[in-house]
């Protein structure tokens, strides 16, 4: 991680942070784009099924769903936190929405209530972190099990089917199963809208600068007059809300709730963000970089599937990629420390 000049209070100068941040991100994003281009060309030449619309549609569909959770994870990682509960919170959102729809509640109201439940979960986690000073890791790890436990309690471990209910709700079903122009899935449109809005917000918003400063150094941010607890609380709620949004789309797309939905989503989101240049130590990252990291993960997974690699090889390679990204982040940090010495 590159260093920046500090003020007398120890806080980094905003101009220096901004200059270094964009330099790092642009380099990482450009490198990822080149790697993705090479992989796409290579797969197109070596596998006849890769470039087919059927295969690409599957990849894009999966990518767009997971991408929503990646956006939320990016924000909380930039603040210096982490959220291991997003997969369970996503499934909780699906469960609340599905059960309310089956109880004949208006589907849009059901979705809003499900998102409210996710926001409450994020708020509780944020309060435990900021008021009782528990670590993000411990709190969100516990909520990974708590949210999943609530799902099992509400469903008795039985999948929920909404095939019949959604037939009578075409407008609501469209957000998960509809296509724009008969070609582009609506899920992709929603994801792109959220991604573009989030990227602009992360790069341009003064509120996100507070998140960057908090992630760079909580003490320095506090000395600068930033309400660190409020920033951390907001990022916890934001991450849970994005997981909830993914859950609403997921329950539409698949017309039901498999109680195992979201398992492993936290690893996918963290890995994608770190590969895309988001620092595990906070203070650095972008939505674009994280999405490019997710694209790399999706292409690697698709390549392994197309070449019929055994499942254990798929997991091994995926986690080796994650380890490589974390090691790269650590090497950058150590290099920065040596420069300061």
C-alpha atoms as a PDB file:
ATOM      1  CA  UNK A   1       0.000   0.000   0.000  1.00  0.00           C
ATOM      2  CA  UNK A   2       1.551   3.328  -1.008  1.00  0.00           C
ATOM      3  CA  UNK A   3       2.212   5.885   1.698  1.00  0.00           C
ATOM      4  CA  UNK A   4       0.864   9.413   1.907  1.00  0.00           C
ATOM      5  CA  UNK A   5       2.114  12.499   3.723  1.00  0.00           C
ATOM      6  CA  UNK A   6       0.642  13.128   7.163  1.00  0.00           C
ATOM      7  CA  UNK A   7      -0.353  16.319   8.881  1.00  0.00           C
ATOM      8  CA  UNK A   8       0.982  17.211  12.320  1.00  0.00           C
ATOM      9  CA  UNK A   9      -1.950  15.366  13.917  1.00  0.00           C
ATOM     10  CA  UNK A  10      -1.004  12.220  12.011  1.00  0.00           C
ATOM     11  CA  UNK A  11      -3.877  12.458   9.539  1.00  0.00           C
ATOM     12  CA  UNK A  12      -3.163  12.097   5.851  1.00  0.00           C
ATOM     13  CA  UNK A  13      -3.673  15.213   3.744  1.00  0.00           C
ATOM     14  CA  UNK A  14      -6.847  14.791   1.670  1.00  0.00           C
ATOM     15  CA  UNK A  15      -5.088  15.882  -1.527  1.00  0.00           C
ATOM     16  CA  UNK A  16      -2.320  13.333  -0.999  1.00  0.00           C
ATOM     17  CA  UNK A  17      -4.786  10.528  -0.240  1.00  0.00           C
ATOM     18  CA  UNK A  18      -6.817  11.351  -3.339  1.00  0.00           C
ATOM     19  CA  UNK A  19      -3.730  11.525  -5.582  1.00  0.00           C
ATOM     20  CA  UNK A  20      -2.268   8.214  -4.374  1.00  0.00           C
ATOM     21  CA  UNK A  21      -5.646   6.487  -4.285  1.00  0.00           C
ATOM     22  CA  UNK A  22      -6.482   7.176  -7.906  1.00  0.00           C
ATOM     23  CA  UNK A  23      -2.975   6.246  -9.038  1.00  0.00           C
ATOM     24  CA  UNK A  24      -3.175   2.842  -7.354  1.00  0.00           C
ATOM     25  CA  UNK A  25      -6.715   2.117  -8.492  1.00  0.00           C
ATOM     26  CA  UNK A  26      -6.183   3.062 -12.093  1.00  0.00           C
ATOM     27  CA  UNK A  27      -3.120   0.801 -12.327  1.00  0.00           C
ATOM     28  CA  UNK A  28      -4.857  -2.168 -10.668  1.00  0.00           C
ATOM     29  CA  UNK A  29      -8.008  -1.737 -12.758  1.00  0.00           C
ATOM     30  CA  UNK A  30      -6.032  -1.471 -16.007  1.00  0.00           C
ATOM     31  CA  UNK A  31      -4.074  -4.613 -15.187  1.00  0.00           C
ATOM     32  CA  UNK A  32      -7.283  -6.507 -14.401  1.00  0.00           C
ATOM     33  CA  UNK A  33      -8.854  -5.386 -17.676  1.00  0.00           C
ATOM     34  CA  UNK A  34      -5.843  -6.681 -19.590  1.00  0.00           C
ATOM     35  CA  UNK A  35      -5.909  -9.998 -17.715  1.00  0.00           C
ATOM     36  CA  UNK A  36      -9.636 -10.378 -18.389  1.00  0.00           C
ATOM     37  CA  UNK A  37      -9.100  -9.652 -22.069  1.00  0.00           C
ATOM     38  CA  UNK A  38      -6.387 -12.315 -22.302  1.00  0.00           C
ATOM     39  CA  UNK A  39      -8.585 -14.877 -20.521  1.00  0.00           C
ATOM     40  CA  UNK A  40     -11.573 -14.132 -22.761  1.00  0.00           C
ATOM     41  CA  UNK A  41      -9.487 -14.469 -25.930  1.00  0.00           C
ATOM     42  CA  UNK A  42      -7.852 -17.637 -24.631  1.00  0.00           C
ATOM     43  CA  UNK A  43     -11.141 -19.288 -23.701  1.00  0.00           C
ATOM     44  CA  UNK A  44     -12.721 -18.291 -27.007  1.00  0.00           C
ATOM     45  CA  UNK A  45      -9.895 -19.983 -28.885  1.00  0.00           C
ATOM     46  CA  UNK A  46      -9.654 -23.120 -26.751  1.00  0.00           C
ATOM     47  CA  UNK A  47     -13.283 -23.917 -26.004  1.00  0.00           C
ATOM     48  CA  UNK A  48     -16.050 -23.822 -28.572  1.00  0.00           C
ATOM     49  CA  UNK A  49     -18.766 -23.414 -25.949  1.00  0.00           C
ATOM     50  CA  UNK A  50     -17.358 -20.373 -24.154  1.00  0.00           C
ATOM     51  CA  UNK A  51     -18.444 -17.706 -26.633  1.00  0.00           C
ATOM     52  CA  UNK A  52     -21.956 -19.097 -27.068  1.00  0.00           C
ATOM     53  CA  UNK A  53     -24.809 -16.917 -25.858  1.00  0.00           C
ATOM     54  CA  UNK A  54     -26.111 -19.733 -23.656  1.00  0.00           C
ATOM     55  CA  UNK A  55     -22.835 -19.904 -21.713  1.00  0.00           C
ATOM     56  CA  UNK A  56     -22.290 -16.155 -21.564  1.00  0.00           C
ATOM     57  CA  UNK A  57     -25.823 -15.618 -20.328  1.00  0.00           C
ATOM     58  CA  UNK A  58     -25.238 -17.995 -17.426  1.00  0.00           C
ATOM     59  CA  UNK A  59     -21.954 -16.277 -16.535  1.00  0.00           C
ATOM     60  CA  UNK A  60     -23.414 -12.775 -16.770  1.00  0.00           C
ATOM     61  CA  UNK A  61     -26.500 -13.753 -14.769  1.00  0.00           C
ATOM     62  CA  UNK A  62     -24.495 -15.206 -11.912  1.00  0.00           C
ATOM     63  CA  UNK A  63     -22.003 -12.348 -12.079  1.00  0.00           C
ATOM     64  CA  UNK A  64     -24.697  -9.665 -11.872  1.00  0.00           C
ATOM     65  CA  UNK A  65     -26.310 -11.223  -8.807  1.00  0.00           C
ATOM     66  CA  UNK A  66     -23.097 -11.643  -6.816  1.00  0.00           C
ATOM     67  CA  UNK A  67     -21.951  -8.218  -7.974  1.00  0.00           C
ATOM     68  CA  UNK A  68     -24.603  -6.517  -5.851  1.00  0.00           C
ATOM     69  CA  UNK A  69     -23.208  -8.064  -2.668  1.00  0.00           C
ATOM     70  CA  UNK A  70     -19.665  -7.208  -3.792  1.00  0.00           C
ATOM     71  CA  UNK A  71     -20.588  -3.513  -3.878  1.00  0.00           C
ATOM     72  CA  UNK A  72     -21.699  -3.611  -0.250  1.00  0.00           C
ATOM     73  CA  UNK A  73     -18.610  -5.559   0.799  1.00  0.00           C
ATOM     74  CA  UNK A  74     -16.384  -3.025  -0.957  1.00  0.00           C
ATOM     75  CA  UNK A  75     -17.821  -0.153   1.068  1.00  0.00           C
ATOM     76  CA  UNK A  76     -17.357  -1.876   4.421  1.00  0.00           C
ATOM     77  CA  UNK A  77     -13.832  -3.050   3.561  1.00  0.00           C
ATOM     78  CA  UNK A  78     -12.838   0.511   2.633  1.00  0.00           C
ATOM     79  CA  UNK A  79     -13.968   1.610   6.097  1.00  0.00           C
ATOM     80  CA  UNK A  80     -11.612  -0.923   7.664  1.00  0.00           C
ATOM     81  CA  UNK A  81     -14.317  -3.464   8.526  1.00  0.00           C
ATOM     82  CA  UNK A  82     -15.535  -6.756   7.135  1.00  0.00           C
ATOM     83  CA  UNK A  83     -18.875  -8.566   6.942  1.00  0.00           C
ATOM     84  CA  UNK A  84     -18.986 -12.355   7.043  1.00  0.00           C
ATOM     85  CA  UNK A  85     -22.776 -12.452   7.387  1.00  0.00           C
ATOM     86  CA  UNK A  86     -23.865 -11.210   3.954  1.00  0.00           C
ATOM     87  CA  UNK A  87     -24.741 -14.657   2.609  1.00  0.00           C
ATOM     88  CA  UNK A  88     -26.973 -15.433   5.575  1.00  0.00           C
ATOM     89  CA  UNK A  89     -28.490 -11.945   5.567  1.00  0.00           C
ATOM     90  CA  UNK A  90     -29.262 -12.360   1.857  1.00  0.00           C
ATOM     91  CA  UNK A  91     -31.066 -15.636   2.574  1.00  0.00           C
ATOM     92  CA  UNK A  92     -32.922 -13.985   5.456  1.00  0.00           C
ATOM     93  CA  UNK A  93     -34.116 -11.263   3.070  1.00  0.00           C
ATOM     94  CA  UNK A  94     -35.353 -13.937   0.652  1.00  0.00           C
ATOM     95  CA  UNK A  95     -37.155 -15.808   3.414  1.00  0.00           C
ATOM     96  CA  UNK A  96     -38.949 -12.762   4.836  1.00  0.00           C
ATOM     97  CA  UNK A  97     -40.030 -11.628   1.369  1.00  0.00           C
ATOM     98  CA  UNK A  98     -41.210 -15.104   0.321  1.00  0.00           C
ATOM     99  CA  UNK A  99     -43.172 -15.793   3.498  1.00  0.00           C
ATOM    100  CA  UNK A 100     -44.929 -12.418   3.310  1.00  0.00           C
ATOM    101  CA  UNK A 101     -45.858 -13.002  -0.346  1.00  0.00           C
ATOM    102  CA  UNK A 102     -47.279 -16.413   0.542  1.00  0.00           C
ATOM    103  CA  UNK A 103     -49.287 -14.667   3.263  1.00  0.00           C
ATOM    104  CA  UNK A 104     -50.857 -12.496   0.509  1.00  0.00           C
ATOM    105  CA  UNK A 105     -48.971  -9.330   1.470  1.00  0.00           C
ATOM    106  CA  UNK A 106     -48.318  -6.915  -1.408  1.00  0.00           C
ATOM    107  CA  UNK A 107     -45.043  -8.093  -3.044  1.00  0.00           C
ATOM    108  CA  UNK A 108     -43.475  -4.633  -3.130  1.00  0.00           C
ATOM    109  CA  UNK A 109     -44.308  -4.092   0.526  1.00  0.00           C
ATOM    110  CA  UNK A 110     -42.919  -7.563   1.245  1.00  0.00           C
ATOM    111  CA  UNK A 111     -39.652  -6.581  -0.429  1.00  0.00           C
ATOM    112  CA  UNK A 112     -39.456  -3.331   1.537  1.00  0.00           C
ATOM    113  CA  UNK A 113     -40.087  -5.144   4.810  1.00  0.00           C
ATOM    114  CA  UNK A 114     -37.396  -7.685   3.929  1.00  0.00           C
ATOM    115  CA  UNK A 115     -34.930  -4.863   3.237  1.00  0.00           C
ATOM    116  CA  UNK A 116     -35.940  -3.226   6.503  1.00  0.00           C
ATOM    117  CA  UNK A 117     -35.134  -6.485   8.289  1.00  0.00           C
ATOM    118  CA  UNK A 118     -31.688  -6.515   6.663  1.00  0.00           C
ATOM    119  CA  UNK A 119     -31.098  -2.895   7.666  1.00  0.00           C
ATOM    120  CA  UNK A 120     -32.009  -3.755  11.269  1.00  0.00           C
ATOM    121  CA  UNK A 121     -29.549  -6.662  11.191  1.00  0.00           C
ATOM    122  CA  UNK A 122     -26.831  -4.320   9.921  1.00  0.00           C
ATOM    123  CA  UNK A 123     -27.757  -1.739  12.553  1.00  0.00           C
ATOM    124  CA  UNK A 124     -27.500  -4.269  15.378  1.00  0.00           C
ATOM    125  CA  UNK A 125     -24.121  -5.438  14.134  1.00  0.00           C
ATOM    126  CA  UNK A 126     -22.961  -1.833  13.828  1.00  0.00           C
ATOM    127  CA  UNK A 127     -24.066  -1.003  17.364  1.00  0.00           C
ATOM    128  CA  UNK A 128     -22.251  -4.022  18.792  1.00  0.00           C
ATOM    129  CA  UNK A 129     -19.122  -2.942  16.931  1.00  0.00           C
ATOM    130  CA  UNK A 130     -19.254   0.757  17.805  1.00  0.00           C
ATOM    131  CA  UNK A 131     -20.823   0.804  21.264  1.00  0.00           C
ATOM    132  CA  UNK A 132     -19.464  -2.376  22.822  1.00  0.00           C
ATOM    133  CA  UNK A 133     -16.286  -2.285  20.705  1.00  0.00           C
ATOM    134  CA  UNK A 134     -16.463  -5.850  19.464  1.00  0.00           C
ATOM    135  CA  UNK A 135     -14.552  -6.657  16.277  1.00  0.00           C
ATOM    136  CA  UNK A 136     -16.238  -6.791  12.889  1.00  0.00           C
ATOM    137  CA  UNK A 137     -14.972 -10.323  12.452  1.00  0.00           C
ATOM    138  CA  UNK A 138     -16.521 -11.729  15.637  1.00  0.00           C
ATOM    139  CA  UNK A 139     -19.843  -9.889  15.338  1.00  0.00           C
ATOM    140  CA  UNK A 140     -20.448 -10.713  11.692  1.00  0.00           C
ATOM    141  CA  UNK A 141     -19.279 -14.306  12.172  1.00  0.00           C
ATOM    142  CA  UNK A 142     -21.898 -14.695  14.892  1.00  0.00           C
ATOM    143  CA  UNK A 143     -24.570 -13.109  12.709  1.00  0.00           C
ATOM    144  CA  UNK A 144     -23.639 -15.489   9.912  1.00  0.00           C
ATOM    145  CA  UNK A 145     -24.996 -18.235  12.160  1.00  0.00           C
ATOM    146  CA  UNK A 146     -27.788 -16.184  13.754  1.00  0.00           C
ATOM    147  CA  UNK A 147     -29.345 -15.074  10.455  1.00  0.00           C
ATOM    148  CA  UNK A 148     -29.071 -18.582   9.028  1.00  0.00           C
ATOM    149  CA  UNK A 149     -30.613 -19.955  12.218  1.00  0.00           C
ATOM    150  CA  UNK A 150     -33.565 -17.581  11.874  1.00  0.00           C
ATOM    151  CA  UNK A 151     -34.025 -18.800   8.285  1.00  0.00           C
ATOM    152  CA  UNK A 152     -34.138 -22.423   9.419  1.00  0.00           C
ATOM    153  CA  UNK A 153     -36.530 -21.522  12.232  1.00  0.00           C
ATOM    154  CA  UNK A 154     -38.905 -19.695   9.873  1.00  0.00           C
ATOM    155  CA  UNK A 155     -38.802 -22.389   7.197  1.00  0.00           C
ATOM    156  CA  UNK A 156     -38.226 -25.490   9.392  1.00  0.00           C
ATOM    157  CA  UNK A 157     -35.436 -26.232   6.952  1.00  0.00           C
ATOM    158  CA  UNK A 158     -37.836 -26.667   4.043  1.00  0.00           C
ATOM    159  CA  UNK A 159     -37.330 -24.767   0.759  1.00  0.00           C
ATOM    160  CA  UNK A 160     -40.043 -22.237  -0.091  1.00  0.00           C
ATOM    161  CA  UNK A 161     -41.582 -22.334  -3.560  1.00  0.00           C
ATOM    162  CA  UNK A 162     -43.114 -19.219  -5.130  1.00  0.00           C
ATOM    163  CA  UNK A 163     -43.707 -20.619  -8.606  1.00  0.00           C
ATOM    164  CA  UNK A 164     -47.497 -20.389  -8.283  1.00  0.00           C
ATOM    165  CA  UNK A 165     -47.528 -17.058  -6.436  1.00  0.00           C
ATOM    166  CA  UNK A 166     -45.239 -15.274  -8.898  1.00  0.00           C
ATOM    167  CA  UNK A 167     -47.373 -16.307 -11.865  1.00  0.00           C
ATOM    168  CA  UNK A 168     -49.960 -13.788 -10.687  1.00  0.00           C
ATOM    169  CA  UNK A 169     -47.329 -11.071 -10.064  1.00  0.00           C
ATOM    170  CA  UNK A 170     -45.846 -10.321 -13.515  1.00  0.00           C
ATOM    171  CA  UNK A 171     -44.565  -6.838 -12.640  1.00  0.00           C
ATOM    172  CA  UNK A 172     -42.785  -8.067  -9.533  1.00  0.00           C
ATOM    173  CA  UNK A 173     -41.496 -11.187 -11.286  1.00  0.00           C
ATOM    174  CA  UNK A 174     -40.022  -9.030 -14.050  1.00  0.00           C
ATOM    175  CA  UNK A 175     -37.202  -7.733 -11.832  1.00  0.00           C
ATOM    176  CA  UNK A 176     -35.804 -11.242 -11.539  1.00  0.00           C
ATOM    177  CA  UNK A 177     -36.930 -13.011 -14.687  1.00  0.00           C
ATOM    178  CA  UNK A 178     -37.707 -10.256 -17.198  1.00  0.00           C
ATOM    179  CA  UNK A 179     -35.636  -9.265 -20.204  1.00  0.00           C
ATOM    180  CA  UNK A 180     -35.162  -5.850 -21.751  1.00  0.00           C
ATOM    181  CA  UNK A 181     -35.578  -6.023 -25.506  1.00  0.00           C
ATOM    182  CA  UNK A 182     -35.970  -9.761 -25.197  1.00  0.00           C
ATOM    183  CA  UNK A 183     -32.179 -10.094 -24.833  1.00  0.00           C
ATOM    184  CA  UNK A 184     -30.726  -8.366 -21.758  1.00  0.00           C
ATOM    185  CA  UNK A 185     -31.850  -9.823 -18.397  1.00  0.00           C
ATOM    186  CA  UNK A 186     -33.384  -7.286 -16.044  1.00  0.00           C
ATOM    187  CA  UNK A 187     -31.038  -8.490 -13.302  1.00  0.00           C
ATOM    188  CA  UNK A 188     -28.110  -7.232 -15.379  1.00  0.00           C
ATOM    189  CA  UNK A 189     -29.776  -3.822 -15.846  1.00  0.00           C
ATOM    190  CA  UNK A 190     -30.364  -3.504 -12.091  1.00  0.00           C
ATOM    191  CA  UNK A 191     -26.800  -4.528 -11.319  1.00  0.00           C
ATOM    192  CA  UNK A 192     -25.305  -2.082 -13.818  1.00  0.00           C
ATOM    193  CA  UNK A 193     -27.450   0.752 -12.457  1.00  0.00           C
ATOM    194  CA  UNK A 194     -26.356   0.017  -8.889  1.00  0.00           C
ATOM    195  CA  UNK A 195     -22.718  -0.431  -9.911  1.00  0.00           C
ATOM    196  CA  UNK A 196     -22.499   2.829 -11.859  1.00  0.00           C
ATOM    197  CA  UNK A 197     -24.284   4.819  -9.152  1.00  0.00           C
ATOM    198  CA  UNK A 198     -22.091   3.267  -6.446  1.00  0.00           C
ATOM    199  CA  UNK A 199     -18.858   3.877  -8.371  1.00  0.00           C
ATOM    200  CA  UNK A 200     -19.738   7.543  -8.868  1.00  0.00           C
ATOM    201  CA  UNK A 201     -20.691   7.827  -5.208  1.00  0.00           C
ATOM    202  CA  UNK A 202     -17.452   6.200  -4.045  1.00  0.00           C
ATOM    203  CA  UNK A 203     -15.281   8.394  -6.250  1.00  0.00           C
ATOM    204  CA  UNK A 204     -17.100  11.720  -5.954  1.00  0.00           C
ATOM    205  CA  UNK A 205     -19.065  11.821  -2.695  1.00  0.00           C
ATOM    206  CA  UNK A 206     -17.760  13.756   0.285  1.00  0.00           C
ATOM    207  CA  UNK A 207     -19.453  11.165   2.499  1.00  0.00           C
ATOM    208  CA  UNK A 208     -17.298   8.395   1.013  1.00  0.00           C
ATOM    209  CA  UNK A 209     -14.193  10.458   1.728  1.00  0.00           C
ATOM    210  CA  UNK A 210     -15.092  10.102   5.390  1.00  0.00           C
ATOM    211  CA  UNK A 211     -15.196   6.343   4.868  1.00  0.00           C
ATOM    212  CA  UNK A 212     -11.772   6.392   3.194  1.00  0.00           C
ATOM    213  CA  UNK A 213     -10.272   8.513   5.989  1.00  0.00           C
ATOM    214  CA  UNK A 214     -11.771   6.223   8.636  1.00  0.00           C
ATOM    215  CA  UNK A 215     -10.342   3.176   6.912  1.00  0.00           C
ATOM    216  CA  UNK A 216      -6.907   4.785   6.547  1.00  0.00           C
ATOM    217  CA  UNK A 217      -6.645   5.563  10.260  1.00  0.00           C
ATOM    218  CA  UNK A 218      -9.494   5.635  12.768  1.00  0.00           C
ATOM    219  CA  UNK A 219      -7.491   7.678  15.275  1.00  0.00           C
ATOM    220  CA  UNK A 220      -6.435  10.251  12.712  1.00  0.00           C
ATOM    221  CA  UNK A 221     -10.002  10.472  11.412  1.00  0.00           C
ATOM    222  CA  UNK A 222     -11.308  11.023  14.937  1.00  0.00           C
ATOM    223  CA  UNK A 223      -8.691  13.740  15.554  1.00  0.00           C
ATOM    224  CA  UNK A 224      -9.874  15.397  12.354  1.00  0.00           C
ATOM    225  CA  UNK A 225     -13.415  15.634  13.722  1.00  0.00           C
ATOM    226  CA  UNK A 226     -14.941  12.681  11.880  1.00  0.00           C
ATOM    227  CA  UNK A 227     -17.582  10.720  13.779  1.00  0.00           C
ATOM    228  CA  UNK A 228     -15.932   7.340  13.275  1.00  0.00           C
ATOM    229  CA  UNK A 229     -18.708   5.373  14.998  1.00  0.00           C
ATOM    230  CA  UNK A 230     -21.336   6.874  12.723  1.00  0.00           C
ATOM    231  CA  UNK A 231     -19.279   6.018   9.640  1.00  0.00           C
ATOM    232  CA  UNK A 232     -18.803   2.402  10.760  1.00  0.00           C
ATOM    233  CA  UNK A 233     -22.489   2.103  11.617  1.00  0.00           C
ATOM    234  CA  UNK A 234     -23.496   3.418   8.192  1.00  0.00           C
ATOM    235  CA  UNK A 235     -21.217   0.991   6.356  1.00  0.00           C
ATOM    236  CA  UNK A 236     -22.600  -1.983   8.309  1.00  0.00           C
ATOM    237  CA  UNK A 237     -26.168  -1.041   7.378  1.00  0.00           C
ATOM    238  CA  UNK A 238     -25.160  -0.377   3.755  1.00  0.00           C
ATOM    239  CA  UNK A 239     -23.511  -3.784   3.373  1.00  0.00           C
ATOM    240  CA  UNK A 240     -26.540  -5.581   4.814  1.00  0.00           C
ATOM    241  CA  UNK A 241     -28.887  -3.606   2.561  1.00  0.00           C
ATOM    242  CA  UNK A 242     -26.992  -4.594  -0.573  1.00  0.00           C
ATOM    243  CA  UNK A 243     -27.155  -8.228   0.566  1.00  0.00           C
ATOM    244  CA  UNK A 244     -30.902  -7.757   1.024  1.00  0.00           C
ATOM    245  CA  UNK A 245     -31.307  -6.299  -2.462  1.00  0.00           C
ATOM    246  CA  UNK A 246     -29.547  -9.322  -3.919  1.00  0.00           C
ATOM    247  CA  UNK A 247     -31.909 -11.532  -1.932  1.00  0.00           C
ATOM    248  CA  UNK A 248     -35.001  -9.845  -3.381  1.00  0.00           C
ATOM    249  CA  UNK A 249     -33.736 -10.341  -6.934  1.00  0.00           C
ATOM    250  CA  UNK A 250     -32.642 -13.898  -6.183  1.00  0.00           C
ATOM    251  CA  UNK A 251     -36.050 -14.946  -4.840  1.00  0.00           C
ATOM    252  CA  UNK A 252     -37.616 -13.568  -8.027  1.00  0.00           C
ATOM    253  CA  UNK A 253     -35.132 -15.144 -10.391  1.00  0.00           C
ATOM    254  CA  UNK A 254     -35.427 -18.632  -8.930  1.00  0.00           C
ATOM    255  CA  UNK A 255     -39.067 -18.420  -7.783  1.00  0.00           C
ATOM    256  CA  UNK A 256     -38.340 -19.557  -4.264  1.00  0.00           C
ATOM    257  CA  UNK A 257     -35.947 -19.874  -1.376  1.00  0.00           C
ATOM    258  CA  UNK A 258     -33.447 -22.719  -1.060  1.00  0.00           C
ATOM    259  CA  UNK A 259     -32.441 -22.521   2.595  1.00  0.00           C
ATOM    260  CA  UNK A 260     -28.780 -22.891   1.635  1.00  0.00           C
ATOM    261  CA  UNK A 261     -28.869 -19.783  -0.576  1.00  0.00           C
ATOM    262  CA  UNK A 262     -25.976 -17.410  -0.020  1.00  0.00           C
ATOM    263  CA  UNK A 263     -23.616 -20.018   1.417  1.00  0.00           C
ATOM    264  CA  UNK A 264     -20.062 -18.921   0.606  1.00  0.00           C
ATOM    265  CA  UNK A 265     -21.158 -15.523  -0.717  1.00  0.00           C
ATOM    266  CA  UNK A 266     -18.978 -13.752   1.840  1.00  0.00           C
ATOM    267  CA  UNK A 267     -15.836 -15.428   0.467  1.00  0.00           C
ATOM    268  CA  UNK A 268     -16.761 -14.561  -3.106  1.00  0.00           C
ATOM    269  CA  UNK A 269     -17.369 -10.921  -2.179  1.00  0.00           C
ATOM    270  CA  UNK A 270     -14.201 -10.546  -0.111  1.00  0.00           C
ATOM    271  CA  UNK A 271     -12.045 -12.291  -2.712  1.00  0.00           C
ATOM    272  CA  UNK A 272     -13.436 -10.183  -5.563  1.00  0.00           C
ATOM    273  CA  UNK A 273     -12.871  -6.954  -3.656  1.00  0.00           C
ATOM    274  CA  UNK A 274      -9.296  -7.820  -2.660  1.00  0.00           C
ATOM    275  CA  UNK A 275      -8.415  -8.989  -6.181  1.00  0.00           C
ATOM    276  CA  UNK A 276      -9.817  -5.665  -7.416  1.00  0.00           C
ATOM    277  CA  UNK A 277      -7.490  -3.637  -5.197  1.00  0.00           C
ATOM    278  CA  UNK A 278      -9.601  -3.079  -2.081  1.00  0.00           C
ATOM    279  CA  UNK A 279      -7.282  -3.196   0.921  1.00  0.00           C
ATOM    280  CA  UNK A 280      -8.092  -5.576   3.782  1.00  0.00           C
ATOM    281  CA  UNK A 281      -6.639  -2.865   6.040  1.00  0.00           C
ATOM    282  CA  UNK A 282      -9.114  -0.249   4.828  1.00  0.00           C
ATOM    283  CA  UNK A 283      -8.670   3.148   3.212  1.00  0.00           C
ATOM    284  CA  UNK A 284      -8.295   1.969  -0.380  1.00  0.00           C
ATOM    285  CA  UNK A 285     -10.529   0.540  -3.077  1.00  0.00           C
ATOM    286  CA  UNK A 286     -13.163   1.140  -5.718  1.00  0.00           C
ATOM    287  CA  UNK A 287     -16.379  -0.474  -6.881  1.00  0.00           C
ATOM    288  CA  UNK A 288     -15.022  -0.824 -10.421  1.00  0.00           C
ATOM    289  CA  UNK A 289     -11.948  -2.680  -9.203  1.00  0.00           C
ATOM    290  CA  UNK A 290     -14.031  -5.033  -7.064  1.00  0.00           C
ATOM    291  CA  UNK A 291     -16.384  -5.785  -9.968  1.00  0.00           C
ATOM    292  CA  UNK A 292     -13.414  -6.517 -12.224  1.00  0.00           C
ATOM    293  CA  UNK A 293     -12.140  -8.855  -9.519  1.00  0.00           C
ATOM    294  CA  UNK A 294     -15.515 -10.608  -9.504  1.00  0.00           C
ATOM    295  CA  UNK A 295     -15.390 -10.873 -13.293  1.00  0.00           C
ATOM    296  CA  UNK A 296     -12.022 -12.595 -13.024  1.00  0.00           C
ATOM    297  CA  UNK A 297     -13.403 -15.034 -10.443  1.00  0.00           C
ATOM    298  CA  UNK A 298     -16.454 -15.719 -12.633  1.00  0.00           C
ATOM    299  CA  UNK A 299     -14.363 -16.384 -15.745  1.00  0.00           C
ATOM    300  CA  UNK A 300     -12.009 -18.714 -13.887  1.00  0.00           C
ATOM    301  CA  UNK A 301     -14.976 -20.607 -12.434  1.00  0.00           C
ATOM    302  CA  UNK A 302     -16.605 -20.841 -15.863  1.00  0.00           C
ATOM    303  CA  UNK A 303     -13.363 -22.046 -17.456  1.00  0.00           C
ATOM    304  CA  UNK A 304     -12.994 -24.786 -14.858  1.00  0.00           C
ATOM    305  CA  UNK A 305     -16.586 -25.859 -15.495  1.00  0.00           C
ATOM    306  CA  UNK A 306     -16.188 -25.861 -19.277  1.00  0.00           C
ATOM    307  CA  UNK A 307     -13.069 -27.983 -19.034  1.00  0.00           C
ATOM    308  CA  UNK A 308     -14.888 -30.295 -16.585  1.00  0.00           C
ATOM    309  CA  UNK A 309     -12.401 -29.828 -13.764  1.00  0.00           C
ATOM    310  CA  UNK A 310     -13.321 -31.841 -10.643  1.00  0.00           C
ATOM    311  CA  UNK A 311     -15.074 -29.798  -7.916  1.00  0.00           C
ATOM    312  CA  UNK A 312     -12.150 -30.081  -5.507  1.00  0.00           C
ATOM    313  CA  UNK A 313      -9.828 -28.582  -8.117  1.00  0.00           C
ATOM    314  CA  UNK A 314     -12.265 -25.719  -8.620  1.00  0.00           C
ATOM    315  CA  UNK A 315     -12.225 -24.852  -4.918  1.00  0.00           C
ATOM    316  CA  UNK A 316      -8.454 -25.249  -4.717  1.00  0.00           C
ATOM    317  CA  UNK A 317      -7.762 -22.918  -7.636  1.00  0.00           C
ATOM    318  CA  UNK A 318     -10.322 -20.360  -6.476  1.00  0.00           C
ATOM    319  CA  UNK A 319      -8.849 -20.143  -2.988  1.00  0.00           C
ATOM    320  CA  UNK A 320      -5.303 -20.010  -4.343  1.00  0.00           C
ATOM    321  CA  UNK A 321      -6.353 -16.938  -6.337  1.00  0.00           C
ATOM    322  CA  UNK A 322      -7.751 -15.391  -3.164  1.00  0.00           C
ATOM    323  CA  UNK A 323      -4.546 -16.164  -1.256  1.00  0.00           C
ATOM    324  CA  UNK A 324      -2.497 -14.615  -4.037  1.00  0.00           C
ATOM    325  CA  UNK A 325      -4.553 -11.417  -3.887  1.00  0.00           C
ATOM    326  CA  UNK A 326      -4.179 -11.176  -0.094  1.00  0.00           C
ATOM    327  CA  UNK A 327      -0.421 -11.798  -0.345  1.00  0.00           C
ATOM    328  CA  UNK A 328      -0.137  -9.047  -2.959  1.00  0.00           C
ATOM    329  CA  UNK A 329      -1.975  -6.655  -0.650  1.00  0.00           C
ATOM    330  CA  UNK A 330       0.339  -7.595   2.249  1.00  0.00           C
ATOM    331  CA  UNK A 331       3.456  -7.110   0.093  1.00  0.00           C
ATOM    332  CA  UNK A 332       2.268  -3.658  -0.926  1.00  0.00           C
ATOM    333  CA  UNK A 333       1.690  -2.755   2.715  1.00  0.00           C
ATOM    334  CA  UNK A 334       5.129  -4.021   3.799  1.00  0.00           C
ATOM    335  CA  UNK A 335       6.795  -2.124   0.967  1.00  0.00           C
ATOM    336  CA  UNK A 336       5.058   1.058   2.094  1.00  0.00           C
ATOM    337  CA  UNK A 337       6.243   0.500   5.693  1.00  0.00           C
ATOM    338  CA  UNK A 338       9.833   0.018   4.524  1.00  0.00           C
ATOM    339  CA  UNK A 339       9.677   3.253   2.549  1.00  0.00           C
ATOM    340  CA  UNK A 340       8.546   5.122   5.655  1.00  0.00           C
ATOM    341  CA  UNK A 341      11.383   3.646   7.746  1.00  0.00           C
END
